[in-house]
C-alpha atoms as a PDB file:
ATOM      1  CA  MET A   1      -7.633 -12.728  11.539  1.00  0.00           C
ATOM      2  CA  ALA A   2      -5.690 -15.755  10.379  1.00  0.00           C
ATOM      3  CA  ASN A   3      -7.025 -18.462   8.099  1.00  0.00           C
ATOM      4  CA  LEU A   4      -7.631 -21.839   9.667  1.00  0.00           C
ATOM      5  CA  ILE A   5      -5.707 -24.591   7.920  1.00  0.00           C
ATOM      6  CA  ARG A   6      -6.315 -28.273   8.635  1.00  0.00           C
ATOM      7  CA  ARG A   7      -3.183 -30.334   8.250  1.00  0.00           C
ATOM      8  CA  SER A   8      -3.039 -34.086   8.109  1.00  0.00           C
ATOM      9  CA  GLU A   9      -0.567 -36.135  10.097  1.00  0.00           C
ATOM     10  CA  PRO A  10       2.676 -36.887   8.260  1.00  0.00           C
ATOM     11  CA  THR A  11       2.620 -40.265   6.599  1.00  0.00           C
ATOM     12  CA  THR A  12       6.341 -40.418   5.910  1.00  0.00           C
ATOM     13  CA  PRO A  13       8.700 -42.032   8.394  1.00  0.00           C
ATOM     14  CA  ALA A  14      10.683 -39.752  10.730  1.00  0.00           C
ATOM     15  CA  ILE A  15      13.910 -40.651   8.935  1.00  0.00           C
ATOM     16  CA  SER A  16      12.918 -38.603   5.854  1.00  0.00           C
ATOM     17  CA  TRP A  17      12.348 -35.448   7.917  1.00  0.00           C
ATOM     18  CA  ASP A  18      12.846 -32.287   5.806  1.00  0.00           C
ATOM     19  CA  PRO A  19      13.711 -29.117   7.776  1.00  0.00           C
ATOM     20  CA  PHE A  20      12.787 -26.908   4.791  1.00  0.00           C
ATOM     21  CA  GLU A  21       9.312 -28.437   4.599  1.00  0.00           C
ATOM     22  CA  MET A  22       8.899 -27.789   8.314  1.00  0.00           C
ATOM     23  CA  MET A  23       9.811 -24.098   7.816  1.00  0.00           C
ATOM     24  CA  ARG A  24       7.327 -23.800   4.921  1.00  0.00           C
ATOM     25  CA  GLU A  25       4.583 -25.207   7.153  1.00  0.00           C
ATOM     26  CA  MET A  26       5.487 -22.925  10.048  1.00  0.00           C
ATOM     27  CA  THR A  27       5.436 -19.802   7.893  1.00  0.00           C
ATOM     28  CA  ALA A  28       2.393 -20.702   5.759  1.00  0.00           C
ATOM     29  CA  GLY A  29       0.346 -17.568   5.233  1.00  0.00           C
ATOM     30  CA  TRP A  30       2.823 -15.323   7.000  1.00  0.00           C
ATOM     31  CA  GLU A  31       3.193 -11.964   5.247  1.00  0.00           C
ATOM     32  CA  PRO A  32       6.019  -9.783   6.687  1.00  0.00           C
ATOM     33  CA  PHE A  33       5.242  -6.555   4.817  1.00  0.00           C
ATOM     34  CA  PRO A  34       2.115  -5.486   6.741  1.00  0.00           C
ATOM     35  CA  LEU A  35       4.169  -5.825   9.921  1.00  0.00           C
ATOM     36  CA  LEU A  36       6.892  -3.584   8.486  1.00  0.00           C
ATOM     37  CA  ARG A  37       4.357  -0.948   7.385  1.00  0.00           C
ATOM     38  CA  ARG A  38       2.791  -0.825  10.841  1.00  0.00           C
ATOM     39  CA  GLY A  39       6.030  -0.083  12.669  1.00  0.00           C
ATOM     40  CA  LEU A  40       7.731  -1.795  15.552  1.00  0.00           C
ATOM     41  CA  TRP A  41       5.023  -1.304  18.164  1.00  0.00           C
ATOM     42  CA  GLY A  42       2.008  -2.027  15.970  1.00  0.00           C
ATOM     43  CA  ALA A  43       1.002   1.611  15.608  1.00  0.00           C
ATOM     44  CA  PRO A  44      -0.102   2.586  12.107  1.00  0.00           C
ATOM     45  CA  SER A  45       2.577   4.417  10.190  1.00  0.00           C
ATOM     46  CA  ALA A  46       2.031   7.864   8.723  1.00  0.00           C
ATOM     47  CA  TYR A  47      -0.298   8.082   5.755  1.00  0.00           C
ATOM     48  CA  VAL A  48       1.845   8.427   2.619  1.00  0.00           C
ATOM     49  CA  PRO A  49       0.011   7.754  -0.643  1.00  0.00           C
ATOM     50  CA  GLU A  50       2.002   6.199  -3.453  1.00  0.00           C
ATOM     51  CA  PHE A  51       2.156   7.919  -6.849  1.00  0.00           C
ATOM     52  CA  ASP A  52       2.600   6.708 -10.396  1.00  0.00           C
ATOM     53  CA  VAL A  53       4.563   9.266 -12.449  1.00  0.00           C
ATOM     54  CA  ARG A  54       4.751   8.913 -16.212  1.00  0.00           C
ATOM     55  CA  GLU A  55       6.131  10.964 -19.066  1.00  0.00           C
ATOM     56  CA  SER A  56       4.517  10.996 -22.497  1.00  0.00           C
ATOM     57  CA  LYS A  57       5.344  13.011 -25.593  1.00  0.00           C
ATOM     58  CA  ASP A  58       2.697  15.553 -24.486  1.00  0.00           C
ATOM     59  CA  GLY A  59       3.510  15.946 -20.805  1.00  0.00           C
ATOM     60  CA  TYR A  60       3.838  14.452 -17.323  1.00  0.00           C
ATOM     61  CA  GLY A  61       1.103  12.449 -15.606  1.00  0.00           C
ATOM     62  CA  PHE A  62       0.740  11.878 -11.877  1.00  0.00           C
ATOM     63  CA  LYS A  63      -1.739   9.368 -10.478  1.00  0.00           C
ATOM     64  CA  ALA A  64      -2.439   8.429  -6.867  1.00  0.00           C
ATOM     65  CA  ASP A  65      -5.097   6.466  -5.029  1.00  0.00           C
ATOM     66  CA  LEU A  66      -6.470   8.731  -2.306  1.00  0.00           C
ATOM     67  CA  PRO A  67      -9.463   6.894  -0.842  1.00  0.00           C
ATOM     68  CA  GLY A  68     -11.440   8.858   1.695  1.00  0.00           C
ATOM     69  CA  ILE A  69      -9.895  12.218   0.767  1.00  0.00           C
ATOM     70  CA  GLU A  70     -12.212  14.939  -0.476  1.00  0.00           C
ATOM     71  CA  GLU A  71     -11.290  17.889  -2.696  1.00  0.00           C
ATOM     72  CA  LYS A  72     -11.476  20.282   0.272  1.00  0.00           C
ATOM     73  CA  ASP A  73      -8.796  18.205   2.061  1.00  0.00           C
ATOM     74  CA  LEU A  74      -6.377  18.257  -0.883  1.00  0.00           C
ATOM     75  CA  GLU A  75      -4.038  21.069  -1.960  1.00  0.00           C
ATOM     76  CA  ILE A  76      -1.935  21.148  -5.117  1.00  0.00           C
ATOM     77  CA  THR A  77       0.518  24.002  -5.669  1.00  0.00           C
ATOM     78  CA  LEU A  78       3.269  24.817  -8.135  1.00  0.00           C
ATOM     79  CA  ALA A  79       6.219  26.953  -7.065  1.00  0.00           C
ATOM     80  CA  GLY A  80       8.762  27.377  -9.820  1.00  0.00           C
ATOM     81  CA  ASN A  81       9.488  23.872 -11.050  1.00  0.00           C
ATOM     82  CA  ARG A  82       8.314  22.186  -7.805  1.00  0.00           C
ATOM     83  CA  LEU A  83       4.945  20.444  -7.647  1.00  0.00           C
ATOM     84  CA  HIS A  84       3.570  20.122  -4.104  1.00  0.00           C
ATOM     85  CA  ILE A  85       0.647  17.834  -3.258  1.00  0.00           C
ATOM     86  CA  SER A  86      -0.622  17.734   0.307  1.00  0.00           C
ATOM     87  CA  GLY A  87      -3.739  16.577   2.048  1.00  0.00           C
ATOM     88  CA  LYS A  88      -5.167  14.788   5.012  1.00  0.00           C
ATOM     89  CA  ARG A  89      -7.338  11.819   5.780  1.00  0.00           C
ATOM     90  CA  GLU A  90      -9.248  12.035   9.019  1.00  0.00           C
ATOM     91  CA  ALA A  91      -9.632   9.077  11.359  1.00  0.00           C
ATOM     92  CA  GLU A  92     -13.134   7.753  11.732  1.00  0.00           C
ATOM     93  CA  MET A  93     -14.742   8.355  15.078  1.00  0.00           C
ATOM     94  CA  THR A  94     -15.659   5.356  17.200  1.00  0.00           C
ATOM     95  CA  THR A  95     -18.341   5.334  19.817  1.00  0.00           C
ATOM     96  CA  GLU A  96     -17.974   3.930  23.288  1.00  0.00           C
ATOM     97  CA  GLY A  97     -18.870   0.287  23.420  1.00  0.00           C
ATOM     98  CA  ASP A  98     -17.564  -0.434  19.912  1.00  0.00           C
ATOM     99  CA  ARG A  99     -15.213  -3.370  19.723  1.00  0.00           C
ATOM    100  CA  CYS A 100     -12.322  -3.038  17.291  1.00  0.00           C
ATOM    101  CA  TYR A 101     -10.923  -6.311  15.998  1.00  0.00           C
ATOM    102  CA  CYS A 102      -8.435  -4.843  13.577  1.00  0.00           C
ATOM    103  CA  ALA A 103      -7.273  -1.282  12.743  1.00  0.00           C
ATOM    104  CA  GLU A 104      -4.831  -1.269   9.818  1.00  0.00           C
ATOM    105  CA  ARG A 105      -5.784   1.848   7.856  1.00  0.00           C
ATOM    106  CA  SER A 106      -3.509   4.876   8.138  1.00  0.00           C
ATOM    107  CA  TYR A 107      -4.706   8.405   8.801  1.00  0.00           C
ATOM    108  CA  GLY A 108      -3.125  11.804   8.986  1.00  0.00           C
ATOM    109  CA  SER A 109      -1.579  14.474   6.829  1.00  0.00           C
ATOM    110  CA  PHE A 110       0.764  13.890   3.932  1.00  0.00           C
ATOM    111  CA  HIS A 111       2.975  15.998   1.685  1.00  0.00           C
ATOM    112  CA  ARG A 112       4.643  14.930  -1.548  1.00  0.00           C
ATOM    113  CA  SER A 113       6.903  17.068  -3.749  1.00  0.00           C
ATOM    114  CA  PHE A 114       8.116  16.475  -7.278  1.00  0.00           C
ATOM    115  CA  THR A 115      10.645  18.456  -9.296  1.00  0.00           C
ATOM    116  CA  LEU A 116       9.404  19.072 -12.825  1.00  0.00           C
ATOM    117  CA  PRO A 117      11.934  19.121 -15.663  1.00  0.00           C
ATOM    118  CA  GLU A 118      12.602  22.115 -17.844  1.00  0.00           C
ATOM    119  CA  GLY A 119       9.912  22.521 -20.481  1.00  0.00           C
ATOM    120  CA  ALA A 120       6.945  21.721 -18.220  1.00  0.00           C
ATOM    121  CA  ASP A 121       4.018  24.076 -18.914  1.00  0.00           C
ATOM    122  CA  VAL A 122       2.968  24.733 -15.306  1.00  0.00           C
ATOM    123  CA  ASP A 123       0.442  27.400 -16.352  1.00  0.00           C
ATOM    124  CA  ASN A 124      -1.730  24.780 -18.069  1.00  0.00           C
ATOM    125  CA  ALA A 125      -1.579  22.010 -15.446  1.00  0.00           C
ATOM    126  CA  ARG A 126      -4.884  20.349 -14.625  1.00  0.00           C
ATOM    127  CA  ALA A 127      -6.033  17.969 -11.892  1.00  0.00           C
ATOM    128  CA  GLU A 128      -9.063  15.795 -11.269  1.00  0.00           C
ATOM    129  CA  LEU A 129     -10.112  13.846  -8.164  1.00  0.00           C
ATOM    130  CA  LYS A 130     -12.697  11.225  -9.071  1.00  0.00           C
ATOM    131  CA  ASN A 131     -13.709   8.121  -7.107  1.00  0.00           C
ATOM    132  CA  GLY A 132     -10.723   8.515  -4.782  1.00  0.00           C
ATOM    133  CA  VAL A 133      -8.165   8.668  -7.615  1.00  0.00           C
ATOM    134  CA  LEU A 134      -6.141  11.818  -8.278  1.00  0.00           C
ATOM    135  CA  ASN A 135      -5.112  12.403 -11.897  1.00  0.00           C
ATOM    136  CA  LEU A 136      -2.795  15.344 -12.500  1.00  0.00           C
ATOM    137  CA  PHE A 137      -1.360  16.315 -15.872  1.00  0.00           C
ATOM    138  CA  VAL A 138       1.332  18.896 -16.559  1.00  0.00           C
ATOM    139  CA  PRO A 139       1.760  19.416 -20.312  1.00  0.00           C
ATOM    140  CA  LYS A 140       5.064  20.109 -22.025  1.00  0.00           C
ATOM    141  CA  THR A 141       5.639  23.449 -23.708  1.00  0.00           C
ATOM    142  CA  ALA A 142       5.571  23.420 -27.504  1.00  0.00           C
ATOM    143  CA  GLU A 143       9.358  23.915 -27.564  1.00  0.00           C
ATOM    144  CA  ALA A 144       9.916  20.875 -25.336  1.00  0.00           C
ATOM    145  CA  GLN A 145       7.753  18.479 -27.374  1.00  0.00           C
ATOM    146  CA  PRO A 146       9.545  16.301 -29.879  1.00  0.00           C
ATOM    147  CA  ARG A 147       9.388  17.413 -33.513  1.00  0.00           C
ATOM    148  CA  ARG A 148       9.987  15.396 -36.623  1.00  0.00           C
ATOM    149  CA  ILE A 149      12.719  16.617 -38.938  1.00  0.00           C
ATOM    150  CA  ASN A 150      12.092  15.925 -42.601  1.00  0.00           C
ATOM    151  CA  ILE A 151      14.922  14.357 -44.552  1.00  0.00           C
ATOM    152  CA  GLN A 152      15.820  16.143 -47.754  1.00  0.00           C
ATOM    153  CA  ALA A 153      17.711  14.857 -50.760  1.00  0.00           C
ATOM    154  CA  ALA A 154      21.498  15.258 -50.472  1.00  0.00           C
ATOM    155  CA  LYS A 155      21.776  17.627 -53.482  1.00  0.00           C
ATOM    156  CA  SER A 156      19.421  20.216 -51.940  1.00  0.00           C
ATOM    157  CA  LEU A 157      21.440  20.717 -48.710  1.00  0.00           C
ATOM    158  CA  LYS A 158      24.015  23.526 -48.759  1.00  0.00           C
ATOM    159  CA  ALA A 159      26.650  23.973 -46.091  1.00  0.00           C
END
């Protein structure tokens, strides 16, 4: 539903007409991105959750907002160095006689894959789904974690 905006009559003479101001007024409140996400014919696009992927000195973190998805509808697998996350969000049932004014939420199955770098400790990966947010952590192996090298005095080093 659009916001109602009351505009006053222009007080400037017609000679100072600004075409750019007219375009700003015509497009006030217009947001093109929801239209692009919904597709050309207004049908909701496929459900594809967005992930944040971060690397720390200890490992790799994956975070995604998955509202409405329960643990039973989510599957996380590791095959070699490939991390696969898939799930589904079911559409809500409507009863006859309900009037829908707007339906913008996406439903359906999704699948995301990530290639983990060498040194990822896939055997100790852990995941948590809490309040609709998935947190997944894949630690680095001890060999892959950065180590500090102590500096010795020049006279004690031998070639």
